[in-house]
Structure formats: C-alpha cells, structure tokens
C-alpha cells in the first residue's frame, strides 16, 4: 500500500500541472477548452525532440549553454514546451475572441490541427528517451530513487508554478482576468478588454498543460503522439475531487487542493489496477470516476433533503 501511495503521489504531482491548467480555463474563465488534448502531447513532443537531439547539432549559442552545465537541456526543454503550449493557447484564444468561434469548437479546431503539428515535430508516432539525460535522471544521480526524484522535482516545480500564478492573479491584469470569468458584462462596463484577458487565460492554461506533458515525457522516458487522449477527463476529475473535499478556499489554497485531488485520482486508478483490471479499460474507469465526482454534490444534497424530510415527518 505504501508503494502505491508513493507512486500515486509522484504521478499525481506531475499530472497536477495539467489539472491546474484546466482549472484556469474551466473555473477562472468559465470556458470549456478542449485544446488540452492537443497542447499536452505538444509539450511532450517538443521536450522529447530537444532531449533526443545531439547538443552538438544545436546552434552555437545553445551549444555553449549546454557546455556550461549538463542540466541545461532538460530545463530548456521544459521552458520551450511551456512556450509552445502558450502559443497553442494563443491560437484557441484568437479563434474564440477575434473570429467569434464558440469556445468548445475553437478548442476542437486547435486540438485537431495540433495532431498534425505534433506528428511533424516528432517525425514518428513515439520517441524513446531511454539513455538520455532528464531532470529526473539528474536527481537520481544524487542518490534518489526514481519515485523519490519524481516527488521532489514535481513538488518543487508545482509549488513554483502555483506561487507564480498566485502572484500573477494579484496583479492588475490577473484581477482583470478573474473578473472577466466572474462577470464578463460588468468587466466590459468597467473598461476591461475582456478578449485580451481571455487570450491571456488561454495561454497560461495551455502553457501549464504543455509543461505537464514535458515533465511526464522526461519521467516516462518516451513521448507518444496519442498521449493527449482523455487528458481533459484527468484534469476535470482532479478539480472536482478537490472541490468536493475542500470547499470555499482562497485561490492559492484551491490550487494546492487541486494537487491533492490529482494525487487522490491517481491513487484511485492505482487501486483499480491492483484489482487486475485490464489496462485497456482504464479510460472507462476514469470516466466513471469523473461521473461519480460530478454527481456527488447532487447526491449529498438529495440525501440531506431526504433526511430533513424524515425529521419533519417524524415531528408531525
């Protein structure tokens, strides 16, 4: 059980960046964005290509950077993956705000286009990174196990991202972004350029999602073109689990609870696998878990009303 818990924690921390990215559009902007399923493998594809490429073939300025420290390449891969995700979010944002395409369709369009772009970037359905340096292999060189290195590195990066997001949403632009999601009509009445705020939200969201993809590629030592299938369900399940267990929290605490939700979600899936369930059925169980999480508030409410009704009936 301890091994399952540690494994779930390590995977949950890495996947929590995906959930945080989904949270930014789903809760902050109140937009259902399916770009997730394209930007996640995009981050992985960019990171894999950078790590698999021989550093001596890079332009001279980058070669000098890699010569300074051998950890530059894995960190550089994460940064470029984040930027690539932001560009994907920019496309969805422009389609939605400037061309007035509904948010759901804009995400589907971008996701569809990203499949071909990811295929071009990778040049193959998958890329193996076995034997290449990664941010986790460097942590393991310090004497850490694979799981412990994922937990420590994942926790550092997640805390850094959460801190930066909290600081951003306390700025004028950040507050305007939150206001746009809360009440777009009132925001426009107060002179906020809501289209720009939506674009910023899209970019931050997909940047975090692509960063998650890059981290998981480095941890798993391979990139898969189809890794984005079902990722929106993973993100939503983590968010809903967090909201069911932890209610009425400040933004910073909400982001932390999403991390806990992602860990619990991975723990539930790990327990399901321990029951010798066919891995091919894992997506089905993911969908079932999401349905249970989404319906639990309604079930609790109905149970509460039924109990109240029984008490009133008894009193009469």
Protein backbone atom coordinates (compact mmCIF):
# COMPACT_ATOMS: atom_id res chain seq x y z
CA UNK A 1 0.00 0.00 0.00
CA UNK A 2 2.89 2.37 0.77
CA UNK A 3 4.36 1.72 -2.67
CA UNK A 4 1.00 2.53 -4.27
CA UNK A 5 0.73 5.74 -2.24
CA UNK A 6 4.25 6.87 -3.17
CA UNK A 7 3.73 6.04 -6.83
CA UNK A 8 0.38 7.88 -6.83
CA UNK A 9 1.98 10.89 -5.18
CA UNK A 10 4.78 11.07 -7.75
CA UNK A 11 2.41 10.73 -10.69
CA UNK A 12 -0.21 12.99 -9.12
CA UNK A 13 2.27 15.83 -8.65
CA UNK A 14 3.26 15.73 -12.31
CA UNK A 15 -0.32 15.41 -13.56
CA UNK A 16 -1.47 18.20 -11.22
CA UNK A 17 0.04 20.79 -13.57
CA UNK A 18 -2.40 19.55 -16.21
CA UNK A 19 -5.27 19.91 -13.72
CA UNK A 20 -4.13 23.43 -12.79
CA UNK A 21 -4.07 24.35 -16.48
CA UNK A 22 -7.60 23.00 -16.98
CA UNK A 23 -8.70 24.89 -13.83
CA UNK A 24 -7.57 28.21 -15.31
CA UNK A 25 -10.00 27.96 -18.23
CA UNK A 26 -12.72 25.82 -16.65
CA UNK A 27 -13.09 27.76 -13.40
CA UNK A 28 -11.27 31.10 -13.76
CA UNK A 29 -12.53 31.91 -17.27
CA UNK A 30 -15.62 29.66 -17.17
CA UNK A 31 -14.67 28.19 -20.57
CA UNK A 32 -14.62 24.54 -21.65
CA UNK A 33 -11.34 24.31 -23.59
CA UNK A 34 -10.51 21.10 -25.44
CA UNK A 35 -7.14 22.42 -26.61
CA UNK A 36 -5.85 20.40 -23.65
CA UNK A 37 -5.80 17.19 -25.66
CA UNK A 38 -3.51 18.80 -28.23
CA UNK A 39 -1.30 21.01 -26.05
CA UNK A 40 -0.43 18.16 -23.65
CA UNK A 41 1.24 15.96 -26.31
CA UNK A 42 2.66 19.16 -27.87
CA UNK A 43 4.67 19.81 -24.70
CA UNK A 44 5.82 16.22 -24.66
CA UNK A 45 6.77 16.27 -28.34
CA UNK A 46 8.82 19.46 -28.01
CA UNK A 47 10.63 18.19 -24.91
CA UNK A 48 11.34 14.80 -26.48
CA UNK A 49 12.80 16.29 -29.65
CA UNK A 50 15.04 18.63 -27.66
CA UNK A 51 16.30 15.87 -25.36
CA UNK A 52 16.77 13.30 -28.14
CA UNK A 53 18.71 15.72 -30.33
CA UNK A 54 22.51 15.72 -30.14
CA UNK A 55 23.52 19.02 -28.41
CA UNK A 56 26.45 19.40 -30.84
CA UNK A 57 23.95 19.91 -33.66
CA UNK A 58 22.33 22.90 -31.96
CA UNK A 59 23.26 26.49 -32.92
CA UNK A 60 26.46 27.78 -31.34
CA UNK A 61 24.82 29.87 -28.54
CA UNK A 62 22.87 26.83 -27.30
CA UNK A 63 25.91 24.57 -27.55
CA UNK A 64 27.79 26.92 -25.22
CA UNK A 65 24.89 26.81 -22.77
CA UNK A 66 24.87 23.01 -22.77
CA UNK A 67 28.65 23.02 -22.24
CA UNK A 68 28.28 25.21 -19.14
CA UNK A 69 26.03 22.70 -17.37
CA UNK A 70 24.62 19.38 -18.50
CA UNK A 71 21.28 20.09 -16.75
CA UNK A 72 20.54 22.97 -19.11
CA UNK A 73 18.98 20.75 -21.80
CA UNK A 74 16.19 19.24 -19.61
CA UNK A 75 15.31 22.65 -18.13
CA UNK A 76 15.49 24.26 -21.58
CA UNK A 77 13.09 21.57 -22.84
CA UNK A 78 10.57 22.46 -20.11
CA UNK A 79 10.75 26.18 -20.91
CA UNK A 80 10.30 25.67 -24.67
CA UNK A 81 7.43 23.24 -24.03
CA UNK A 82 5.71 25.86 -21.86
CA UNK A 83 6.12 28.48 -24.59
CA UNK A 84 4.80 26.05 -27.23
CA UNK A 85 1.73 25.43 -25.06
CA UNK A 86 1.18 29.16 -24.70
CA UNK A 87 1.25 29.51 -28.49
CA UNK A 88 -1.37 26.76 -28.78
CA UNK A 89 -3.50 28.63 -26.25
CA UNK A 90 -2.99 31.83 -28.22
CA UNK A 91 -4.44 30.18 -31.33
CA UNK A 92 -7.52 28.96 -29.44
CA UNK A 93 -7.90 32.36 -27.80
CA UNK A 94 -7.77 34.19 -31.12
CA UNK A 95 -10.24 31.80 -32.73
CA UNK A 96 -12.67 32.33 -29.85
CA UNK A 97 -12.29 36.07 -29.29
CA UNK A 98 -11.45 37.52 -32.70
CA UNK A 99 -13.25 35.12 -35.04
CA UNK A 100 -16.12 34.62 -32.55
CA UNK A 101 -15.95 30.84 -32.82
CA UNK A 102 -17.59 29.17 -29.78
CA UNK A 103 -15.02 28.15 -27.16
CA UNK A 104 -15.76 24.44 -27.47
CA UNK A 105 -15.36 24.46 -31.26
CA UNK A 106 -12.25 26.64 -31.07
CA UNK A 107 -10.62 24.08 -28.79
CA UNK A 108 -11.61 21.21 -31.07
CA UNK A 109 -10.21 23.01 -34.11
CA UNK A 110 -6.89 23.74 -32.40
CA UNK A 111 -6.69 20.22 -30.98
CA UNK A 112 -7.26 18.73 -34.44
CA UNK A 113 -4.60 20.94 -36.02
CA UNK A 114 -2.13 20.18 -33.23
CA UNK A 115 -2.28 16.46 -34.01
CA UNK A 116 -0.62 17.08 -37.37
CA UNK A 117 1.80 19.62 -35.87
CA UNK A 118 2.82 17.18 -33.13
CA UNK A 119 3.31 14.47 -35.74
CA UNK A 120 5.56 16.81 -37.74
CA UNK A 121 7.56 17.76 -34.65
CA UNK A 122 8.13 14.17 -33.55
CA UNK A 123 8.56 12.66 -37.00
CA UNK A 124 7.28 9.34 -35.64
CA UNK A 125 4.35 8.06 -33.55
CA UNK A 126 6.61 7.88 -30.50
CA UNK A 127 10.12 8.79 -29.38
CA UNK A 128 12.18 6.80 -26.89
CA UNK A 129 14.30 8.79 -24.44
CA UNK A 130 15.94 5.82 -22.73
CA UNK A 131 19.57 6.68 -22.03
CA UNK A 132 19.08 10.44 -22.46
CA UNK A 133 19.53 12.97 -19.67
CA UNK A 134 16.41 14.29 -17.96
CA UNK A 135 15.68 16.46 -14.98
CA UNK A 136 14.76 13.27 -13.09
CA UNK A 137 17.90 11.33 -14.05
CA UNK A 138 19.98 14.18 -12.66
CA UNK A 139 18.02 13.99 -9.40
CA UNK A 140 18.60 10.23 -9.32
CA UNK A 141 22.34 10.82 -9.74
CA UNK A 142 22.20 12.46 -6.29
CA UNK A 143 21.19 9.12 -4.78
CA UNK A 144 17.39 9.43 -5.02
CA UNK A 145 15.15 6.63 -6.24
CA UNK A 146 13.03 7.14 -9.37
CA UNK A 147 9.86 7.69 -7.35
CA UNK A 148 11.50 10.00 -4.81
CA UNK A 149 13.11 12.06 -7.55
CA UNK A 150 9.70 12.47 -9.23
CA UNK A 151 8.13 13.53 -5.92
CA UNK A 152 10.83 16.07 -5.05
CA UNK A 153 11.25 17.55 -8.54
CA UNK A 154 7.50 17.53 -9.12
CA UNK A 155 6.80 19.24 -5.78
CA UNK A 156 9.38 21.96 -6.47
CA UNK A 157 8.03 22.73 -9.94
CA UNK A 158 4.37 22.59 -8.84
CA UNK A 159 5.00 24.93 -5.90
CA UNK A 160 6.91 27.30 -8.18
CA UNK A 161 4.05 27.36 -10.72
CA UNK A 162 1.41 27.86 -8.01
CA UNK A 163 3.42 30.69 -6.43
CA UNK A 164 3.84 32.46 -9.77
CA UNK A 165 0.14 32.04 -10.62
CA UNK A 166 -0.97 33.41 -7.23
CA UNK A 167 1.34 36.40 -7.65
CA UNK A 168 0.08 36.95 -11.20
CA UNK A 169 -3.58 36.88 -10.17
CA UNK A 170 -2.88 39.57 -7.58
CA UNK A 171 -1.67 41.95 -10.30
CA UNK A 172 -3.98 44.31 -12.20
CA UNK A 173 -4.01 42.05 -15.27
CA UNK A 174 -4.58 38.98 -13.13
CA UNK A 175 -7.51 40.56 -11.30
CA UNK A 176 -8.96 41.67 -14.63
CA UNK A 177 -8.67 38.08 -15.92
CA UNK A 178 -10.53 36.76 -12.88
CA UNK A 179 -13.17 39.47 -13.22
CA UNK A 180 -13.70 38.51 -16.87
CA UNK A 181 -14.52 34.95 -15.86
CA UNK A 182 -16.75 36.04 -12.97
CA UNK A 183 -18.85 38.60 -14.84
CA UNK A 184 -17.91 39.48 -18.40
CA UNK A 185 -20.63 42.12 -18.82
CA UNK A 186 -19.61 44.00 -15.69
CA UNK A 187 -15.95 43.71 -16.68
CA UNK A 188 -16.63 45.27 -20.08
CA UNK A 189 -18.66 48.02 -18.41
CA UNK A 190 -15.60 48.84 -16.27
CA UNK A 191 -13.36 49.16 -19.33
CA UNK A 192 -11.62 45.79 -19.12
CA UNK A 193 -10.57 44.39 -22.51
CA UNK A 194 -12.16 41.01 -21.90
CA UNK A 195 -10.96 39.47 -25.18
CA UNK A 196 -7.34 40.13 -24.20
CA UNK A 197 -7.94 38.69 -20.72
CA UNK A 198 -9.39 35.52 -22.24
CA UNK A 199 -6.38 35.15 -24.50
CA UNK A 200 -4.04 35.52 -21.53
CA UNK A 201 -6.03 32.87 -19.66
CA UNK A 202 -5.90 30.52 -22.64
CA UNK A 203 -2.13 30.96 -22.93
CA UNK A 204 -1.40 30.39 -19.24
CA UNK A 205 -3.68 27.37 -19.15
CA UNK A 206 -2.15 25.60 -22.13
CA UNK A 207 1.35 26.58 -21.07
CA UNK A 208 0.83 24.70 -17.78
CA UNK A 209 -0.69 21.76 -19.63
CA UNK A 210 2.24 21.53 -22.07
CA UNK A 211 4.64 21.79 -19.13
CA UNK A 212 2.91 18.77 -17.57
CA UNK A 213 3.34 16.89 -20.85
CA UNK A 214 7.05 17.73 -20.95
CA UNK A 215 7.58 16.62 -17.34
CA UNK A 216 5.79 13.32 -17.87
CA UNK A 217 7.78 12.62 -21.02
CA UNK A 218 11.01 13.13 -19.07
CA UNK A 219 9.73 10.91 -16.26
CA UNK A 220 8.41 8.12 -18.51
CA UNK A 221 11.37 8.29 -20.94
CA UNK A 222 9.18 8.29 -24.03
CA UNK A 223 6.79 10.53 -25.93
CA UNK A 224 3.60 9.27 -27.56
CA UNK A 225 1.65 11.11 -30.25
CA UNK A 226 -1.67 9.91 -28.78
CA UNK A 227 -0.87 10.71 -25.15
CA UNK A 228 -3.38 13.58 -25.11
CA UNK A 229 -6.46 11.35 -25.47
CA UNK A 230 -8.56 11.62 -22.32
CA UNK A 231 -6.38 14.19 -20.59
CA UNK A 232 -9.31 16.61 -20.19
CA UNK A 233 -11.06 13.94 -18.10
CA UNK A 234 -7.99 13.57 -15.87
CA UNK A 235 -7.84 17.31 -15.30
CA UNK A 236 -11.57 17.67 -14.60
CA UNK A 237 -11.62 14.69 -12.24
CA UNK A 238 -8.75 16.16 -10.19
CA UNK A 239 -10.56 19.51 -9.98
CA UNK A 240 -13.90 18.01 -8.98
CA UNK A 241 -12.34 15.72 -6.35
CA UNK A 242 -10.63 18.77 -4.84
CA UNK A 243 -13.83 20.81 -4.88
CA UNK A 244 -15.89 18.04 -3.28
CA UNK A 245 -13.39 17.58 -0.44
CA UNK A 246 -12.25 21.19 0.04
CA UNK A 247 -14.79 23.97 -0.35
CA UNK A 248 -14.64 27.78 -0.15
CA UNK A 249 -10.87 28.19 -0.30
CA UNK A 250 -8.75 31.11 -1.46
CA UNK A 251 -7.12 30.88 -4.89
CA UNK A 252 -3.75 29.72 -3.55
CA UNK A 253 -5.33 27.03 -1.40
CA UNK A 254 -7.60 25.96 -4.26
CA UNK A 255 -4.57 25.36 -6.46
CA UNK A 256 -2.98 23.31 -3.67
CA UNK A 257 -6.16 21.28 -3.22
CA UNK A 258 -6.12 20.52 -6.95
CA UNK A 259 -2.69 18.94 -6.43
CA UNK A 260 -4.21 16.80 -3.66
CA UNK A 261 -7.12 15.97 -5.98
CA UNK A 262 -4.70 14.83 -8.70
CA UNK A 263 -2.85 12.61 -6.21
CA UNK A 264 -6.12 11.07 -4.97
CA UNK A 265 -7.23 10.49 -8.54
CA UNK A 266 -4.01 8.63 -9.36
CA UNK A 267 -4.38 6.67 -6.10
CA UNK A 268 -7.90 5.58 -7.09
CA UNK A 269 -6.67 4.48 -10.51
CA UNK A 270 -3.76 2.60 -8.93
CA UNK A 271 -6.18 0.77 -6.63
CA UNK A 272 -8.33 -0.12 -9.65
CA UNK A 273 -5.29 -1.57 -11.41
CA UNK A 274 -4.49 -3.62 -8.30
CA UNK A 275 -7.83 -5.37 -8.88
CA UNK A 276 -6.29 -6.79 -12.07
CA UNK A 277 -8.46 -4.66 -14.33
CA UNK A 278 -7.46 -4.70 -17.99
CA UNK A 279 -5.39 -1.53 -18.66
CA UNK A 280 -7.49 -1.06 -21.81
CA UNK A 281 -10.47 -0.35 -19.51
CA UNK A 282 -8.65 2.38 -17.58
CA UNK A 283 -10.22 5.20 -19.62
CA UNK A 284 -13.67 3.77 -18.85
CA UNK A 285 -12.94 3.80 -15.13
CA UNK A 286 -11.59 7.35 -15.46
CA UNK A 287 -14.92 8.41 -16.97
CA UNK A 288 -16.85 6.60 -14.22
CA UNK A 289 -14.77 8.29 -11.52
CA UNK A 290 -15.49 11.68 -13.10
CA UNK A 291 -19.25 10.94 -13.20
CA UNK A 292 -19.21 9.95 -9.52
CA UNK A 293 -17.27 13.09 -8.57
CA UNK A 294 -19.56 15.38 -10.60
CA UNK A 295 -22.74 13.83 -9.24
CA UNK A 296 -21.64 13.56 -5.59
CA UNK A 297 -22.73 17.12 -4.62
CA UNK A 298 -26.22 16.43 -6.03
CA UNK A 299 -26.38 13.07 -4.26
CA UNK A 300 -25.32 14.66 -0.97
CA UNK A 301 -27.91 17.40 -1.43
CA UNK A 302 -30.71 14.91 -2.10
CA UNK A 303 -29.69 12.75 0.83
CA UNK A 304 -29.66 15.85 3.02
CA UNK A 305 -33.16 16.79 1.88
CA UNK A 306 -34.41 13.25 2.42
CA UNK A 307 -33.08 13.21 5.96
CA UNK A 308 -34.64 16.62 6.61
CA UNK A 309 -37.95 15.39 5.24
CA UNK A 310 -37.88 12.35 7.50
CA UNK A 311 -37.22 14.53 10.55
CA UNK A 312 -40.15 16.82 9.66
CA UNK A 313 -42.41 13.80 9.10
CA UNK A 314 -41.42 12.34 12.45
CA UNK A 315 -42.11 15.67 14.17
CA UNK A 316 -45.64 15.74 12.77
